[in-house]
Amino acid sequence: MNIVIGLCVYNNSFGLPYVLNNITKMFQLFGLTKLKIIIFYDISHDNSLEILENFITHFPNILEIIPNYATRTLYRTANIAFARNAIAD
């Protein structure tokens, strides 16, 4: 079974460990052999990147990080839409 999970990450250091832990539990519970996690990382002001780098050391083959170097807009919804479109590409 192939599963792709897309995450938009921007200043998510509080909730990110919980999300990644739940993904790990799904991986162990269902025995997913072809899991891919695509993360659109918008340059954050917290330690979200450190959390992602720690996770990638445990699961190096399933995680792909797409960094965002584009200028953020003032509209949160536009930023989320941009991130989701980048994940879908």
N, C-alpha and C. Protein backbone atom coordinates (compact mmCIF):
# COMPACT_ATOMS: atom_id res chain seq x y z
N MET A 1 0.84 -1.17 0.00
CA MET A 1 0.00 0.00 0.00
C MET A 1 0.89 1.24 0.00
N ASN A 2 0.58 2.18 -0.86
CA ASN A 2 1.32 3.44 -0.92
C ASN A 2 0.51 4.54 -0.25
N ILE A 3 1.16 5.24 0.65
CA ILE A 3 0.51 6.35 1.34
C ILE A 3 1.46 7.55 1.31
N VAL A 4 0.91 8.71 0.93
CA VAL A 4 1.66 9.96 0.95
C VAL A 4 0.93 10.91 1.89
N ILE A 5 1.69 11.46 2.83
CA ILE A 5 1.15 12.42 3.78
C ILE A 5 1.84 13.75 3.53
N GLY A 6 1.06 14.81 3.37
CA GLY A 6 1.60 16.15 3.16
C GLY A 6 1.37 17.01 4.38
N LEU A 7 2.41 17.66 4.86
CA LEU A 7 2.32 18.54 6.03
C LEU A 7 2.83 19.93 5.67
N CYS A 8 2.11 20.94 6.13
CA CYS A 8 2.56 22.33 6.02
C CYS A 8 3.10 22.72 7.40
N VAL A 9 4.35 23.14 7.46
CA VAL A 9 4.98 23.43 8.75
C VAL A 9 5.45 24.88 8.78
N TYR A 10 4.92 25.62 9.74
CA TYR A 10 5.36 26.99 10.01
C TYR A 10 5.10 27.27 11.49
N ASN A 11 6.16 27.43 12.24
CA ASN A 11 6.07 27.68 13.69
C ASN A 11 5.18 26.64 14.39
N ASN A 12 5.48 25.37 14.17
CA ASN A 12 4.68 24.29 14.73
C ASN A 12 5.46 23.47 15.75
N SER A 13 6.38 24.04 16.45
CA SER A 13 7.21 23.24 17.35
C SER A 13 6.41 22.61 18.48
N PHE A 14 5.27 23.20 18.85
CA PHE A 14 4.46 22.61 19.92
C PHE A 14 3.75 21.34 19.46
N GLY A 15 3.07 21.40 18.34
CA GLY A 15 2.25 20.26 17.90
C GLY A 15 2.95 19.27 16.99
N LEU A 16 4.06 19.67 16.40
CA LEU A 16 4.75 18.83 15.43
C LEU A 16 5.20 17.48 16.00
N PRO A 17 5.76 17.41 17.20
CA PRO A 17 6.14 16.10 17.74
C PRO A 17 4.96 15.15 17.88
N TYR A 18 3.80 15.67 18.24
CA TYR A 18 2.61 14.83 18.37
C TYR A 18 2.17 14.28 17.02
N VAL A 19 2.20 15.13 16.01
CA VAL A 19 1.80 14.70 14.66
C VAL A 19 2.77 13.63 14.14
N LEU A 20 4.06 13.86 14.29
CA LEU A 20 5.04 12.90 13.82
C LEU A 20 4.96 11.59 14.61
N ASN A 21 4.67 11.68 15.90
CA ASN A 21 4.50 10.48 16.72
C ASN A 21 3.30 9.67 16.25
N ASN A 22 2.20 10.35 15.93
CA ASN A 22 1.01 9.65 15.43
C ASN A 22 1.27 9.00 14.07
N ILE A 23 2.04 9.65 13.23
CA ILE A 23 2.40 9.07 11.94
C ILE A 23 3.24 7.81 12.16
N THR A 24 4.15 7.88 13.10
CA THR A 24 4.98 6.72 13.43
C THR A 24 4.12 5.56 13.94
N LYS A 25 3.13 5.86 14.76
CA LYS A 25 2.22 4.82 15.25
C LYS A 25 1.43 4.19 14.12
N MET A 26 0.98 5.01 13.16
CA MET A 26 0.27 4.46 12.01
C MET A 26 1.19 3.54 11.21
N PHE A 27 2.43 3.95 11.07
CA PHE A 27 3.42 3.16 10.34
C PHE A 27 3.60 1.80 11.01
N GLN A 28 3.70 1.79 12.33
CA GLN A 28 3.89 0.54 13.07
C GLN A 28 2.62 -0.29 13.11
N LEU A 29 1.48 0.35 13.25
CA LEU A 29 0.21 -0.36 13.37
C LEU A 29 -0.19 -1.06 12.08
N PHE A 30 -0.07 -0.36 10.97
CA PHE A 30 -0.52 -0.91 9.70
C PHE A 30 0.60 -1.58 8.91
N GLY A 31 1.83 -1.48 9.39
CA GLY A 31 2.94 -2.09 8.68
C GLY A 31 3.12 -1.52 7.28
N LEU A 32 3.01 -0.23 7.16
CA LEU A 32 3.11 0.42 5.86
C LEU A 32 4.53 0.33 5.33
N THR A 33 4.66 -0.26 4.18
CA THR A 33 5.99 -0.42 3.62
C THR A 33 6.35 0.71 2.66
N LYS A 34 5.34 1.38 2.16
CA LYS A 34 5.61 2.47 1.21
C LYS A 34 4.95 3.75 1.69
N LEU A 35 5.51 4.31 2.73
CA LEU A 35 5.01 5.56 3.30
C LEU A 35 5.94 6.68 2.90
N LYS A 36 5.37 7.81 2.49
CA LYS A 36 6.15 8.99 2.12
C LYS A 36 5.52 10.18 2.81
N ILE A 37 6.34 10.97 3.49
CA ILE A 37 5.88 12.19 4.14
C ILE A 37 6.57 13.37 3.44
N ILE A 38 5.76 14.23 2.86
CA ILE A 38 6.28 15.42 2.19
C ILE A 38 5.93 16.62 3.07
N ILE A 39 6.96 17.35 3.47
CA ILE A 39 6.77 18.49 4.37
C ILE A 39 7.17 19.77 3.66
N PHE A 40 6.23 20.70 3.59
CA PHE A 40 6.54 22.03 3.08
C PHE A 40 6.91 22.88 4.29
N TYR A 41 8.19 23.18 4.40
CA TYR A 41 8.71 23.90 5.57
C TYR A 41 8.86 25.37 5.23
N ASP A 42 8.03 26.19 5.83
CA ASP A 42 8.14 27.63 5.68
C ASP A 42 9.06 28.11 6.80
N ILE A 43 10.06 28.86 6.48
CA ILE A 43 11.10 29.26 7.42
C ILE A 43 10.45 29.78 8.71
N SER A 44 10.63 29.02 9.79
CA SER A 44 9.98 29.31 11.07
C SER A 44 10.90 30.07 12.01
N HIS A 45 10.29 30.56 13.08
CA HIS A 45 11.04 31.29 14.11
C HIS A 45 11.15 30.46 15.39
N ASP A 46 10.85 29.18 15.29
CA ASP A 46 10.97 28.30 16.44
C ASP A 46 11.86 27.12 16.04
N ASN A 47 11.81 26.04 16.79
CA ASN A 47 12.69 24.91 16.50
C ASN A 47 12.01 23.80 15.70
N SER A 48 11.08 24.17 14.84
CA SER A 48 10.40 23.18 14.00
C SER A 48 11.38 22.42 13.12
N LEU A 49 12.37 23.11 12.57
CA LEU A 49 13.34 22.45 11.70
C LEU A 49 14.17 21.44 12.49
N GLU A 50 14.54 21.74 13.71
CA GLU A 50 15.29 20.80 14.54
C GLU A 50 14.48 19.53 14.80
N ILE A 51 13.19 19.69 15.03
CA ILE A 51 12.31 18.55 15.26
C ILE A 51 12.25 17.69 14.00
N LEU A 52 12.13 18.32 12.84
CA LEU A 52 12.09 17.58 11.58
C LEU A 52 13.41 16.87 11.32
N GLU A 53 14.52 17.53 11.59
CA GLU A 53 15.83 16.91 11.37
C GLU A 53 16.03 15.72 12.31
N ASN A 54 15.52 15.81 13.53
CA ASN A 54 15.61 14.69 14.46
C ASN A 54 14.77 13.52 13.95
N PHE A 55 13.60 13.81 13.44
CA PHE A 55 12.72 12.77 12.92
C PHE A 55 13.33 12.10 11.70
N ILE A 56 13.98 12.89 10.85
CA ILE A 56 14.56 12.34 9.62
C ILE A 56 15.72 11.39 9.93
N THR A 57 16.39 11.56 11.06
CA THR A 57 17.46 10.63 11.42
C THR A 57 16.90 9.25 11.76
N HIS A 58 15.68 9.20 12.27
CA HIS A 58 15.05 7.92 12.60
C HIS A 58 14.37 7.27 11.39
N PHE A 59 13.86 8.09 10.47
CA PHE A 59 13.15 7.60 9.29
C PHE A 59 13.67 8.32 8.05
N PRO A 60 14.90 8.03 7.64
CA PRO A 60 15.51 8.81 6.54
C PRO A 60 14.89 8.57 5.18
N ASN A 61 14.26 7.43 4.97
CA ASN A 61 13.77 7.09 3.64
C ASN A 61 12.36 7.56 3.35
N ILE A 62 11.65 8.01 4.37
CA ILE A 62 10.24 8.35 4.14
C ILE A 62 9.96 9.84 4.18
N LEU A 63 10.92 10.66 4.56
CA LEU A 63 10.68 12.08 4.76
C LEU A 63 11.36 12.92 3.69
N GLU A 64 10.59 13.84 3.12
CA GLU A 64 11.13 14.80 2.16
C GLU A 64 10.71 16.19 2.61
N ILE A 65 11.68 17.10 2.74
CA ILE A 65 11.39 18.46 3.17
C ILE A 65 11.57 19.40 1.99
N ILE A 66 10.53 20.19 1.73
CA ILE A 66 10.57 21.22 0.69
C ILE A 66 10.65 22.57 1.41
N PRO A 67 11.81 23.23 1.37
CA PRO A 67 11.90 24.54 2.03
C PRO A 67 11.27 25.63 1.18
N ASN A 68 10.68 26.60 1.83
CA ASN A 68 10.07 27.73 1.14
C ASN A 68 10.96 28.95 1.28
N TYR A 69 11.40 29.46 0.17
CA TYR A 69 12.21 30.68 0.18
C TYR A 69 11.45 31.87 -0.39
N ALA A 70 10.20 31.63 -0.78
CA ALA A 70 9.38 32.71 -1.33
C ALA A 70 8.89 33.63 -0.21
N THR A 71 8.54 34.82 -0.57
CA THR A 71 8.04 35.79 0.39
C THR A 71 6.63 35.41 0.82
N ARG A 72 6.39 35.44 2.10
CA ARG A 72 5.06 35.13 2.63
C ARG A 72 4.13 36.31 2.39
N THR A 73 2.86 36.00 2.20
CA THR A 73 1.86 37.05 2.05
C THR A 73 1.28 37.39 3.43
N LEU A 74 0.45 38.39 3.46
CA LEU A 74 -0.20 38.77 4.71
C LEU A 74 -1.38 37.85 5.03
N TYR A 75 -1.80 37.06 4.05
CA TYR A 75 -2.98 36.24 4.21
C TYR A 75 -2.59 34.79 4.50
N ARG A 76 -3.00 34.31 5.65
CA ARG A 76 -2.67 32.95 6.07
C ARG A 76 -3.20 31.91 5.09
N THR A 77 -4.41 32.11 4.62
CA THR A 77 -5.02 31.15 3.69
C THR A 77 -4.24 31.05 2.38
N ALA A 78 -3.72 32.17 1.91
CA ALA A 78 -2.93 32.16 0.68
C ALA A 78 -1.62 31.40 0.90
N ASN A 79 -1.01 31.57 2.06
CA ASN A 79 0.23 30.85 2.38
C ASN A 79 -0.01 29.35 2.46
N ILE A 80 -1.12 28.95 3.07
CA ILE A 80 -1.45 27.53 3.18
C ILE A 80 -1.73 26.95 1.80
N ALA A 81 -2.46 27.69 0.97
CA ALA A 81 -2.75 27.21 -0.39
C ALA A 81 -1.47 27.05 -1.20
N PHE A 82 -0.55 27.99 -1.06
CA PHE A 82 0.74 27.90 -1.75
C PHE A 82 1.50 26.65 -1.31
N ALA A 83 1.50 26.39 0.00
CA ALA A 83 2.20 25.22 0.54
C ALA A 83 1.56 23.93 0.04
N ARG A 84 0.25 23.85 0.05
CA ARG A 84 -0.43 22.64 -0.42
C ARG A 84 -0.18 22.39 -1.91
N ASN A 85 -0.16 23.45 -2.68
CA ASN A 85 0.13 23.30 -4.11
C ASN A 85 1.55 22.82 -4.33
N ALA A 86 2.48 23.29 -3.53
CA ALA A 86 3.87 22.84 -3.65
C ALA A 86 4.01 21.37 -3.30
N ILE A 87 3.25 20.92 -2.31
CA ILE A 87 3.27 19.50 -1.93
C ILE A 87 2.68 18.65 -3.05
N ALA A 88 1.63 19.13 -3.68
CA ALA A 88 0.96 18.37 -4.72
C ALA A 88 1.77 18.25 -6.00
N ASP A 89 2.71 19.16 -6.21
CA ASP A 89 3.53 19.12 -7.43
C ASP A 89 4.46 17.99 -7.38
